[in-house]
Amino acid sequence: MPRYSDITEMSRYTTWLMRVHGTLFFSFLALLCFWIISKLILKFYAIREQHA
């Protein structure tokens, strides 16, 4: 039977891990969206330059 302090330490560690992973995941998503949007804008400008 594990001690109570071990359980609290483990839960604290897992919540910290989940928080860090969530932050990393959201920043990665934001970067991905930013990259896709910039690609679309560049493509749009390239098409506009060709038609000009």
PDB file of N, CA and C in Angstrom:
ATOM      1  N   MET A   1       0.843  -1.203   0.000  1.00  0.00           N
ATOM      2  CA  MET A   1       0.000   0.000   0.000  1.00  0.00           C
ATOM      3  C   MET A   1       0.883   1.261   0.000  1.00  0.00           C
ATOM      4  N   PRO A   2       0.772   2.097  -1.025  1.00  0.00           N
ATOM      5  CA  PRO A   2       1.615   3.305  -1.083  1.00  0.00           C
ATOM      6  C   PRO A   2       1.179   4.341  -0.060  1.00  0.00           C
ATOM      7  N   ARG A   3       2.116   5.114   0.401  1.00  0.00           N
ATOM      8  CA  ARG A   3       1.818   6.143   1.387  1.00  0.00           C
ATOM      9  C   ARG A   3       1.027   7.280   0.738  1.00  0.00           C
ATOM     10  N   TYR A   4       0.320   8.040   1.550  1.00  0.00           N
ATOM     11  CA  TYR A   4      -0.525   9.125   1.048  1.00  0.00           C
ATOM     12  C   TYR A   4       0.309  10.205   0.368  1.00  0.00           C
ATOM     13  N   SER A   5       1.488  10.494   0.933  1.00  0.00           N
ATOM     14  CA  SER A   5       2.349  11.534   0.360  1.00  0.00           C
ATOM     15  C   SER A   5       2.798  11.146  -1.049  1.00  0.00           C
ATOM     16  N   ASP A   6       3.059   9.838  -1.245  1.00  0.00           N
ATOM     17  CA  ASP A   6       3.466   9.376  -2.576  1.00  0.00           C
ATOM     18  C   ASP A   6       2.345   9.612  -3.586  1.00  0.00           C
ATOM     19  N   ILE A   7       1.117   9.335  -3.178  1.00  0.00           N
ATOM     20  CA  ILE A   7      -0.037   9.508  -4.071  1.00  0.00           C
ATOM     21  C   ILE A   7      -0.209  10.981  -4.433  1.00  0.00           C
ATOM     22  N   THR A   8      -0.114  11.866  -3.445  1.00  0.00           N
ATOM     23  CA  THR A   8      -0.285  13.296  -3.721  1.00  0.00           C
ATOM     24  C   THR A   8       0.831  13.798  -4.625  1.00  0.00           C
ATOM     25  N   GLU A   9       2.047  13.316  -4.391  1.00  0.00           N
ATOM     26  CA  GLU A   9       3.181  13.713  -5.223  1.00  0.00           C
ATOM     27  C   GLU A   9       2.962  13.257  -6.664  1.00  0.00           C
ATOM     28  N   MET A  10       2.455  12.039  -6.809  1.00  0.00           N
ATOM     29  CA  MET A  10       2.212  11.475  -8.135  1.00  0.00           C
ATOM     30  C   MET A  10       1.130  12.285  -8.860  1.00  0.00           C
ATOM     31  N   SER A  11       0.041  12.604  -8.157  1.00  0.00           N
ATOM     32  CA  SER A  11      -1.043  13.366  -8.781  1.00  0.00           C
ATOM     33  C   SER A  11      -0.568  14.767  -9.148  1.00  0.00           C
ATOM     34  N   ARG A  12       0.263  15.352  -8.279  1.00  0.00           N
ATOM     35  CA  ARG A  12       0.793  16.682  -8.571  1.00  0.00           C
ATOM     36  C   ARG A  12       1.653  16.619  -9.828  1.00  0.00           C
ATOM     37  N   TYR A  13       2.464  15.573  -9.935  1.00  0.00           N
ATOM     38  CA  TYR A  13       3.338  15.415 -11.095  1.00  0.00           C
ATOM     39  C   TYR A  13       2.520  15.218 -12.366  1.00  0.00           C
ATOM     40  N   THR A  14       1.484  14.384 -12.291  1.00  0.00           N
ATOM     41  CA  THR A  14       0.673  14.121 -13.484  1.00  0.00           C
ATOM     42  C   THR A  14      -0.089  15.372 -13.920  1.00  0.00           C
ATOM     43  N   THR A  15      -0.606  16.150 -12.952  1.00  0.00           N
ATOM     44  CA  THR A  15      -1.320  17.378 -13.322  1.00  0.00           C
ATOM     45  C   THR A  15      -0.357  18.369 -13.961  1.00  0.00           C
ATOM     46  N   TRP A  16       0.878  18.438 -13.422  1.00  0.00           N
ATOM     47  CA  TRP A  16       1.891  19.326 -14.003  1.00  0.00           C
ATOM     48  C   TRP A  16       2.211  18.879 -15.422  1.00  0.00           C
ATOM     49  N   LEU A  17       2.350  17.554 -15.601  1.00  0.00           N
ATOM     50  CA  LEU A  17       2.673  17.001 -16.913  1.00  0.00           C
ATOM     51  C   LEU A  17       1.565  17.331 -17.909  1.00  0.00           C
ATOM     52  N   MET A  18       0.314  17.147 -17.479  1.00  0.00           N
ATOM     53  CA  MET A  18      -0.820  17.433 -18.362  1.00  0.00           C
ATOM     54  C   MET A  18      -0.880  18.913 -18.712  1.00  0.00           C
ATOM     55  N   ARG A  19      -0.577  19.768 -17.721  1.00  0.00           N
ATOM     56  CA  ARG A  19      -0.614  21.204 -17.974  1.00  0.00           C
ATOM     57  C   ARG A  19       0.453  21.583 -18.989  1.00  0.00           C
ATOM     58  N   VAL A  20       1.661  21.047 -18.820  1.00  0.00           N
ATOM     59  CA  VAL A  20       2.759  21.347 -19.741  1.00  0.00           C
ATOM     60  C   VAL A  20       2.428  20.833 -21.135  1.00  0.00           C
ATOM     61  N   HIS A  21       1.911  19.598 -21.208  1.00  0.00           N
ATOM     62  CA  HIS A  21       1.575  19.028 -22.509  1.00  0.00           C
ATOM     63  C   HIS A  21       0.468  19.826 -23.177  1.00  0.00           C
ATOM     64  N   GLY A  22      -0.510  20.283 -22.384  1.00  0.00           N
ATOM     65  CA  GLY A  22      -1.585  21.096 -22.939  1.00  0.00           C
ATOM     66  C   GLY A  22      -1.054  22.398 -23.510  1.00  0.00           C
ATOM     67  N   THR A  23      -0.141  23.035 -22.771  1.00  0.00           N
ATOM     68  CA  THR A  23       0.452  24.293 -23.232  1.00  0.00           C
ATOM     69  C   THR A  23       1.228  24.070 -24.516  1.00  0.00           C
ATOM     70  N   LEU A  24       2.037  23.003 -24.537  1.00  0.00           N
ATOM     71  CA  LEU A  24       2.824  22.693 -25.731  1.00  0.00           C
ATOM     72  C   LEU A  24       1.905  22.405 -26.908  1.00  0.00           C
ATOM     73  N   PHE A  25       0.844  21.628 -26.659  1.00  0.00           N
ATOM     74  CA  PHE A  25      -0.089  21.259 -27.715  1.00  0.00           C
ATOM     75  C   PHE A  25      -0.769  22.491 -28.305  1.00  0.00           C
ATOM     76  N   PHE A  26      -1.212  23.404 -27.418  1.00  0.00           N
ATOM     77  CA  PHE A  26      -1.900  24.602 -27.903  1.00  0.00           C
ATOM     78  C   PHE A  26      -0.956  25.530 -28.652  1.00  0.00           C
ATOM     79  N   SER A  27       0.297  25.645 -28.173  1.00  0.00           N
ATOM     80  CA  SER A  27       1.259  26.498 -28.878  1.00  0.00           C
ATOM     81  C   SER A  27       1.581  25.893 -30.239  1.00  0.00           C
ATOM     82  N   PHE A  28       1.658  24.547 -30.300  1.00  0.00           N
ATOM     83  CA  PHE A  28       1.910  23.872 -31.570  1.00  0.00           C
ATOM     84  C   PHE A  28       0.750  24.107 -32.533  1.00  0.00           C
ATOM     85  N   LEU A  29      -0.470  24.011 -32.023  1.00  0.00           N
ATOM     86  CA  LEU A  29      -1.649  24.266 -32.856  1.00  0.00           C
ATOM     87  C   LEU A  29      -1.650  25.694 -33.384  1.00  0.00           C
ATOM     88  N   ALA A  30      -1.306  26.647 -32.513  1.00  0.00           N
ATOM     89  CA  ALA A  30      -1.271  28.049 -32.920  1.00  0.00           C
ATOM     90  C   ALA A  30      -0.227  28.260 -34.008  1.00  0.00           C
ATOM     91  N   LEU A  31       0.952  27.636 -33.834  1.00  0.00           N
ATOM     92  CA  LEU A  31       2.009  27.749 -34.839  1.00  0.00           C
ATOM     93  C   LEU A  31       1.554  27.156 -36.161  1.00  0.00           C
ATOM     94  N   LEU A  32       0.880  26.010 -36.094  1.00  0.00           N
ATOM     95  CA  LEU A  32       0.405  25.343 -37.302  1.00  0.00           C
ATOM     96  C   LEU A  32      -0.601  26.229 -38.040  1.00  0.00           C
ATOM     97  N   CYS A  33      -1.552  26.793 -37.296  1.00  0.00           N
ATOM     98  CA  CYS A  33      -2.550  27.682 -37.900  1.00  0.00           C
ATOM     99  C   CYS A  33      -1.874  28.898 -38.526  1.00  0.00           C
ATOM    100  N   PHE A  34      -0.912  29.481 -37.804  1.00  0.00           N
ATOM    101  CA  PHE A  34      -0.197  30.649 -38.303  1.00  0.00           C
ATOM    102  C   PHE A  34       0.541  30.316 -39.595  1.00  0.00           C
ATOM    103  N   TRP A  35       1.181  29.129 -39.640  1.00  0.00           N
ATOM    104  CA  TRP A  35       1.933  28.707 -40.818  1.00  0.00           C
ATOM    105  C   TRP A  35       1.003  28.525 -42.013  1.00  0.00           C
ATOM    106  N   ILE A  36      -0.142  27.867 -41.788  1.00  0.00           N
ATOM    107  CA  ILE A  36      -1.101  27.633 -42.876  1.00  0.00           C
ATOM    108  C   ILE A  36      -1.647  28.959 -43.399  1.00  0.00           C
ATOM    109  N   ILE A  37      -1.983  29.877 -42.484  1.00  0.00           N
ATOM    110  CA  ILE A  37      -2.530  31.173 -42.890  1.00  0.00           C
ATOM    111  C   ILE A  37      -1.503  31.963 -43.694  1.00  0.00           C
ATOM    112  N   SER A  38      -0.238  31.938 -43.235  1.00  0.00           N
ATOM    113  CA  SER A  38       0.800  32.669 -43.969  1.00  0.00           C
ATOM    114  C   SER A  38       1.001  32.067 -45.352  1.00  0.00           C
ATOM    115  N   LYS A  39       0.922  30.726 -45.449  1.00  0.00           N
ATOM    116  CA  LYS A  39       1.044  30.065 -46.753  1.00  0.00           C
ATOM    117  C   LYS A  39      -0.081  30.523 -47.680  1.00  0.00           C
ATOM    118  N   LEU A  40      -1.308  30.551 -47.158  1.00  0.00           N
ATOM    119  CA  LEU A  40      -2.458  30.969 -47.960  1.00  0.00           C
ATOM    120  C   LEU A  40      -2.321  32.416 -48.407  1.00  0.00           C
ATOM    121  N   ILE A  41      -1.869  33.285 -47.502  1.00  0.00           N
ATOM    122  CA  ILE A  41      -1.701  34.700 -47.842  1.00  0.00           C
ATOM    123  C   ILE A  41      -0.645  34.857 -48.929  1.00  0.00           C
ATOM    124  N   LEU A  42       0.473  34.130 -48.780  1.00  0.00           N
ATOM    125  CA  LEU A  42       1.536  34.212 -49.785  1.00  0.00           C
ATOM    126  C   LEU A  42       1.034  33.727 -51.139  1.00  0.00           C
ATOM    127  N   LYS A  43       0.270  32.636 -51.139  1.00  0.00           N
ATOM    128  CA  LYS A  43      -0.280  32.101 -52.384  1.00  0.00           C
ATOM    129  C   LYS A  43      -1.239  33.107 -53.013  1.00  0.00           C
ATOM    130  N   PHE A  44      -2.082  33.722 -52.185  1.00  0.00           N
ATOM    131  CA  PHE A  44      -3.041  34.713 -52.652  1.00  0.00           C
ATOM    132  C   PHE A  44      -2.318  35.894 -53.294  1.00  0.00           C
ATOM    133  N   TYR A  45      -1.250  36.378 -52.635  1.00  0.00           N
ATOM    134  CA  TYR A  45      -0.497  37.503 -53.183  1.00  0.00           C
ATOM    135  C   TYR A  45       0.213  37.116 -54.472  1.00  0.00           C
ATOM    136  N   ALA A  46       0.723  35.893 -54.549  1.00  0.00           N
ATOM    137  CA  ALA A  46       1.400  35.434 -55.762  1.00  0.00           C
ATOM    138  C   ALA A  46       0.416  35.404 -56.928  1.00  0.00           C
ATOM    139  N   ILE A  47      -0.800  34.902 -56.676  1.00  0.00           N
ATOM    140  CA  ILE A  47      -1.822  34.856 -57.723  1.00  0.00           C
ATOM    141  C   ILE A  47      -2.196  36.272 -58.147  1.00  0.00           C
ATOM    142  N   ARG A  48      -2.326  37.176 -57.173  1.00  0.00           N
ATOM    143  CA  ARG A  48      -2.689  38.556 -57.491  1.00  0.00           C
ATOM    144  C   ARG A  48      -1.595  39.239 -58.300  1.00  0.00           C
ATOM    145  N   GLU A  49      -0.337  38.953 -57.972  1.00  0.00           N
ATOM    146  CA  GLU A  49       0.782  39.543 -58.715  1.00  0.00           C
ATOM    147  C   GLU A  49       0.791  39.050 -60.155  1.00  0.00           C
ATOM    148  N   GLN A  50       0.466  37.774 -60.345  1.00  0.00           N
ATOM    149  CA  GLN A  50       0.450  37.220 -61.698  1.00  0.00           C
ATOM    150  C   GLN A  50      -0.656  37.861 -62.533  1.00  0.00           C
ATOM    151  N   HIS A  51      -1.813  38.092 -61.929  1.00  0.00           N
ATOM    152  CA  HIS A  51      -2.939  38.662 -62.661  1.00  0.00           C
ATOM    153  C   HIS A  51      -2.786  40.161 -62.888  1.00  0.00           C
ATOM    154  N   ALA A  52      -1.965  40.802 -62.096  1.00  0.00           N
ATOM    155  CA  ALA A  52      -1.801  42.258 -62.216  1.00  0.00           C
ATOM    156  C   ALA A  52      -1.124  42.634 -63.531  1.00  0.00           C
TER     157      ALA A  52
END
